[in-house]
Amino acid sequence: MALLLVFLVAGANCLAQKTISQKQVNSEIKNLYVTKVYKTPGSELVYETIDSLPAGHIFAGLSIQNRMYLDYINTNYANIDRKKLNTLNSDPKKRNKEYVKSLQKDPLFQKYFMEMAHFYLQANGTTIKGYTPSPKMRISEDELAAIA
């Protein structure tokens, strides 16, 4: 009887999934994306990069395994006023805050970031409460043959 109870408790723990809110996921952008300044003689250039996260962080693996995609969605889907960021070179904290705020409010960036976060977290046993990813595009064999 005790052995059955142990198996039931262990099975329930295996089936239990962790959840995280969309707001929590969105707040993690500040840990993933940072701005830095590249200095050359006579000029400074602000650039965006993906920060390294500590091993226990919920998105540590994401920042390592998907660094190129994180950079890709920032470069191609984020609407950032880079001229404004360049004016904030003297105040790195204010510059980072402005940068992160623009990412968090950008609907196109959010679409791709949340979808990537969803699949990453899902693979690690965590769900984003209330988030439903976009449906996958389905192509029939006839459509595929017409394309080829």
C-alpha atoms as a PDB file:
ATOM      1  CA  MET A   1       0.000   0.000   0.000  1.00  0.00           C
ATOM      2  CA  ALA A   2       2.796   2.409   0.925  1.00  0.00           C
ATOM      3  CA  LEU A   3       4.574   1.554  -2.322  1.00  0.00           C
ATOM      4  CA  LEU A   4       1.430   2.388  -4.307  1.00  0.00           C
ATOM      5  CA  LEU A   5       1.189   5.740  -2.515  1.00  0.00           C
ATOM      6  CA  VAL A   6       4.825   6.527  -3.393  1.00  0.00           C
ATOM      7  CA  PHE A   7       4.174   5.781  -7.083  1.00  0.00           C
ATOM      8  CA  LEU A   8       1.003   7.899  -7.102  1.00  0.00           C
ATOM      9  CA  VAL A   9       2.775  10.890  -5.549  1.00  0.00           C
ATOM     10  CA  ALA A  10       5.759  10.528  -7.896  1.00  0.00           C
ATOM     11  CA  GLY A  11       3.449  10.249 -10.908  1.00  0.00           C
ATOM     12  CA  ALA A  12       1.478  13.323  -9.887  1.00  0.00           C
ATOM     13  CA  ASN A  13       4.712  15.313  -9.542  1.00  0.00           C
ATOM     14  CA  CYS A  14       5.837  14.215 -12.996  1.00  0.00           C
ATOM     15  CA  LEU A  15       2.533  15.288 -14.541  1.00  0.00           C
ATOM     16  CA  ALA A  16       2.426  18.653 -12.769  1.00  0.00           C
ATOM     17  CA  GLN A  17       3.515  21.441 -15.076  1.00  0.00           C
ATOM     18  CA  LYS A  18       4.866  24.753 -13.942  1.00  0.00           C
ATOM     19  CA  THR A  19       3.183  27.880 -15.249  1.00  0.00           C
ATOM     20  CA  ILE A  20       4.429  31.404 -15.777  1.00  0.00           C
ATOM     21  CA  SER A  21       2.395  34.466 -16.704  1.00  0.00           C
ATOM     22  CA  GLN A  22       2.793  36.429 -19.930  1.00  0.00           C
ATOM     23  CA  LYS A  23       3.713  39.433 -17.797  1.00  0.00           C
ATOM     24  CA  GLN A  24       6.567  37.464 -16.182  1.00  0.00           C
ATOM     25  CA  VAL A  25       7.849  36.353 -19.591  1.00  0.00           C
ATOM     26  CA  ASN A  26       7.662  39.927 -20.865  1.00  0.00           C
ATOM     27  CA  SER A  27       9.578  41.185 -17.822  1.00  0.00           C
ATOM     28  CA  GLU A  28      12.426  38.762 -18.602  1.00  0.00           C
ATOM     29  CA  ILE A  29      13.259  40.767 -21.731  1.00  0.00           C
ATOM     30  CA  LYS A  30      15.280  43.083 -19.481  1.00  0.00           C
ATOM     31  CA  ASN A  31      17.525  40.149 -18.545  1.00  0.00           C
ATOM     32  CA  LEU A  32      17.992  38.896 -22.107  1.00  0.00           C
ATOM     33  CA  TYR A  33      18.478  42.073 -24.124  1.00  0.00           C
ATOM     34  CA  VAL A  34      21.001  44.792 -23.242  1.00  0.00           C
ATOM     35  CA  THR A  35      22.663  47.716 -24.960  1.00  0.00           C
ATOM     36  CA  LYS A  36      26.372  48.419 -24.932  1.00  0.00           C
ATOM     37  CA  VAL A  37      28.567  51.129 -26.368  1.00  0.00           C
ATOM     38  CA  TYR A  38      31.355  50.493 -28.848  1.00  0.00           C
ATOM     39  CA  LYS A  39      33.912  53.275 -28.626  1.00  0.00           C
ATOM     40  CA  THR A  40      36.222  54.285 -31.421  1.00  0.00           C
ATOM     41  CA  PRO A  41      38.488  57.322 -31.579  1.00  0.00           C
ATOM     42  CA  GLY A  42      36.087  60.208 -31.997  1.00  0.00           C
ATOM     43  CA  SER A  43      32.775  58.334 -31.854  1.00  0.00           C
ATOM     44  CA  GLU A  44      30.559  56.017 -29.860  1.00  0.00           C
ATOM     45  CA  LEU A  45      28.037  53.566 -31.242  1.00  0.00           C
ATOM     46  CA  VAL A  46      25.249  51.914 -29.270  1.00  0.00           C
ATOM     47  CA  TYR A  47      24.621  48.284 -30.153  1.00  0.00           C
ATOM     48  CA  GLU A  48      22.168  45.706 -28.870  1.00  0.00           C
ATOM     49  CA  THR A  49      23.234  42.269 -27.724  1.00  0.00           C
ATOM     50  CA  ILE A  50      21.994  39.195 -25.883  1.00  0.00           C
ATOM     51  CA  ASP A  51      23.191  38.981 -22.292  1.00  0.00           C
ATOM     52  CA  SER A  52      24.449  35.799 -20.653  1.00  0.00           C
ATOM     53  CA  LEU A  53      22.216  34.538 -17.867  1.00  0.00           C
ATOM     54  CA  PRO A  54      23.162  32.496 -14.789  1.00  0.00           C
ATOM     55  CA  ALA A  55      22.700  28.724 -15.039  1.00  0.00           C
ATOM     56  CA  GLY A  56      19.559  28.566 -12.872  1.00  0.00           C
ATOM     57  CA  HIS A  57      17.694  31.303 -14.724  1.00  0.00           C
ATOM     58  CA  ILE A  58      14.496  30.235 -16.514  1.00  0.00           C
ATOM     59  CA  PHE A  59      15.833  31.529 -19.866  1.00  0.00           C
ATOM     60  CA  ALA A  60      19.512  30.568 -19.429  1.00  0.00           C
ATOM     61  CA  GLY A  61      19.292  27.823 -22.044  1.00  0.00           C
ATOM     62  CA  LEU A  62      17.333  30.070 -24.386  1.00  0.00           C
ATOM     63  CA  SER A  63      20.045  32.729 -24.290  1.00  0.00           C
ATOM     64  CA  ILE A  64      22.703  30.141 -25.146  1.00  0.00           C
ATOM     65  CA  GLN A  65      20.911  27.815 -27.574  1.00  0.00           C
ATOM     66  CA  ASN A  66      18.895  30.455 -29.437  1.00  0.00           C
ATOM     67  CA  ARG A  67      21.172  33.483 -29.316  1.00  0.00           C
ATOM     68  CA  MET A  68      21.087  33.958 -33.092  1.00  0.00           C
ATOM     69  CA  TYR A  69      17.283  33.860 -33.239  1.00  0.00           C
ATOM     70  CA  LEU A  70      16.983  36.271 -30.303  1.00  0.00           C
ATOM     71  CA  ASP A  71      19.266  38.631 -32.197  1.00  0.00           C
ATOM     72  CA  TYR A  72      17.352  38.025 -35.441  1.00  0.00           C
ATOM     73  CA  ILE A  73      13.963  39.021 -34.031  1.00  0.00           C
ATOM     74  CA  ASN A  74      15.524  42.084 -32.417  1.00  0.00           C
ATOM     75  CA  THR A  75      17.171  43.159 -35.672  1.00  0.00           C
ATOM     76  CA  ASN A  76      14.269  42.397 -38.014  1.00  0.00           C
ATOM     77  CA  TYR A  77      11.075  42.758 -35.994  1.00  0.00           C
ATOM     78  CA  ALA A  78      11.752  45.343 -33.281  1.00  0.00           C
ATOM     79  CA  ASN A  79      10.759  48.939 -33.893  1.00  0.00           C
ATOM     80  CA  ILE A  80      13.422  50.755 -31.870  1.00  0.00           C
ATOM     81  CA  ASP A  81      14.319  54.422 -32.080  1.00  0.00           C
ATOM     82  CA  ARG A  82      18.060  53.845 -32.353  1.00  0.00           C
ATOM     83  CA  LYS A  83      18.791  57.557 -32.755  1.00  0.00           C
ATOM     84  CA  LYS A  84      17.213  58.134 -29.364  1.00  0.00           C
ATOM     85  CA  LEU A  85      19.313  55.333 -27.860  1.00  0.00           C
ATOM     86  CA  ASN A  86      22.447  56.971 -29.253  1.00  0.00           C
ATOM     87  CA  THR A  87      21.594  60.166 -27.358  1.00  0.00           C
ATOM     88  CA  LEU A  88      21.592  58.222 -24.070  1.00  0.00           C
ATOM     89  CA  ASN A  89      25.214  57.025 -24.240  1.00  0.00           C
ATOM     90  CA  SER A  90      26.182  58.877 -21.074  1.00  0.00           C
ATOM     91  CA  ASP A  91      23.528  57.069 -18.991  1.00  0.00           C
ATOM     92  CA  PRO A  92      23.707  53.284 -19.601  1.00  0.00           C
ATOM     93  CA  LYS A  93      20.889  52.469 -17.141  1.00  0.00           C
ATOM     94  CA  LYS A  94      18.504  54.933 -18.770  1.00  0.00           C
ATOM     95  CA  ARG A  95      19.525  53.679 -22.237  1.00  0.00           C
ATOM     96  CA  ASN A  96      18.863  50.033 -21.298  1.00  0.00           C
ATOM     97  CA  LYS A  97      15.561  50.946 -19.666  1.00  0.00           C
ATOM     98  CA  GLU A  98      14.420  52.811 -22.796  1.00  0.00           C
ATOM     99  CA  TYR A  99      15.555  49.932 -25.025  1.00  0.00           C
ATOM    100  CA  VAL A 100      13.756  47.261 -22.993  1.00  0.00           C
ATOM    101  CA  LYS A 101      10.612  49.391 -22.731  1.00  0.00           C
ATOM    102  CA  SER A 102      10.483  49.721 -26.515  1.00  0.00           C
ATOM    103  CA  LEU A 103      10.855  45.923 -26.935  1.00  0.00           C
ATOM    104  CA  GLN A 104       8.161  45.222 -24.356  1.00  0.00           C
ATOM    105  CA  LYS A 105       5.689  47.548 -26.087  1.00  0.00           C
ATOM    106  CA  ASP A 106       6.420  46.478 -29.668  1.00  0.00           C
ATOM    107  CA  PRO A 107       3.595  44.155 -30.858  1.00  0.00           C
ATOM    108  CA  LEU A 108       5.545  42.614 -33.750  1.00  0.00           C
ATOM    109  CA  PHE A 109       8.596  41.870 -31.595  1.00  0.00           C
ATOM    110  CA  GLN A 110       6.290  40.504 -28.879  1.00  0.00           C
ATOM    111  CA  LYS A 111       4.600  38.155 -31.344  1.00  0.00           C
ATOM    112  CA  TYR A 112       7.858  36.430 -32.246  1.00  0.00           C
ATOM    113  CA  PHE A 113       9.433  36.631 -28.792  1.00  0.00           C
ATOM    114  CA  MET A 114       6.409  35.156 -27.001  1.00  0.00           C
ATOM    115  CA  GLU A 115       6.093  32.349 -29.529  1.00  0.00           C
ATOM    116  CA  MET A 116       9.755  31.426 -29.135  1.00  0.00           C
ATOM    117  CA  ALA A 117       9.485  31.653 -25.334  1.00  0.00           C
ATOM    118  CA  HIS A 118       6.358  29.466 -25.438  1.00  0.00           C
ATOM    119  CA  PHE A 119       8.028  26.633 -27.338  1.00  0.00           C
ATOM    120  CA  TYR A 120      11.233  26.862 -25.288  1.00  0.00           C
ATOM    121  CA  LEU A 121       9.387  26.804 -21.969  1.00  0.00           C
ATOM    122  CA  GLN A 122       7.006  24.081 -23.144  1.00  0.00           C
ATOM    123  CA  ALA A 123       9.989  21.866 -24.009  1.00  0.00           C
ATOM    124  CA  ASN A 124      11.215  22.412 -20.449  1.00  0.00           C
ATOM    125  CA  GLY A 125       7.879  21.576 -18.793  1.00  0.00           C
ATOM    126  CA  THR A 126       6.548  25.109 -18.262  1.00  0.00           C
ATOM    127  CA  THR A 127       3.516  26.737 -19.838  1.00  0.00           C
ATOM    128  CA  ILE A 128       2.714  30.410 -20.314  1.00  0.00           C
ATOM    129  CA  LYS A 129      -0.670  31.004 -18.707  1.00  0.00           C
ATOM    130  CA  GLY A 130      -3.233  32.265 -21.209  1.00  0.00           C
ATOM    131  CA  TYR A 131      -0.904  32.176 -24.212  1.00  0.00           C
ATOM    132  CA  THR A 132      -1.882  30.358 -27.403  1.00  0.00           C
ATOM    133  CA  PRO A 133       0.713  30.255 -30.198  1.00  0.00           C
ATOM    134  CA  SER A 134      -0.205  31.068 -33.780  1.00  0.00           C
ATOM    135  CA  PRO A 135      -1.528  28.063 -35.709  1.00  0.00           C
ATOM    136  CA  LYS A 136       1.033  26.337 -37.886  1.00  0.00           C
ATOM    137  CA  MET A 137       0.685  26.833 -41.616  1.00  0.00           C
ATOM    138  CA  ARG A 138      -0.377  23.650 -43.373  1.00  0.00           C
ATOM    139  CA  ILE A 139       0.471  22.984 -47.013  1.00  0.00           C
ATOM    140  CA  SER A 140      -1.165  20.185 -48.988  1.00  0.00           C
ATOM    141  CA  GLU A 141       0.810  18.018 -51.383  1.00  0.00           C
ATOM    142  CA  ASP A 142      -0.915  19.728 -54.329  1.00  0.00           C
ATOM    143  CA  GLU A 143       0.094  23.181 -53.047  1.00  0.00           C
ATOM    144  CA  LEU A 144       3.628  21.949 -52.481  1.00  0.00           C
ATOM    145  CA  ALA A 145       3.803  20.523 -55.998  1.00  0.00           C
ATOM    146  CA  ALA A 146       2.526  23.827 -57.420  1.00  0.00           C
ATOM    147  CA  ILE A 147       5.309  25.698 -55.603  1.00  0.00           C
ATOM    148  CA  ALA A 148       8.029  23.313 -56.752  1.00  0.00           C
END
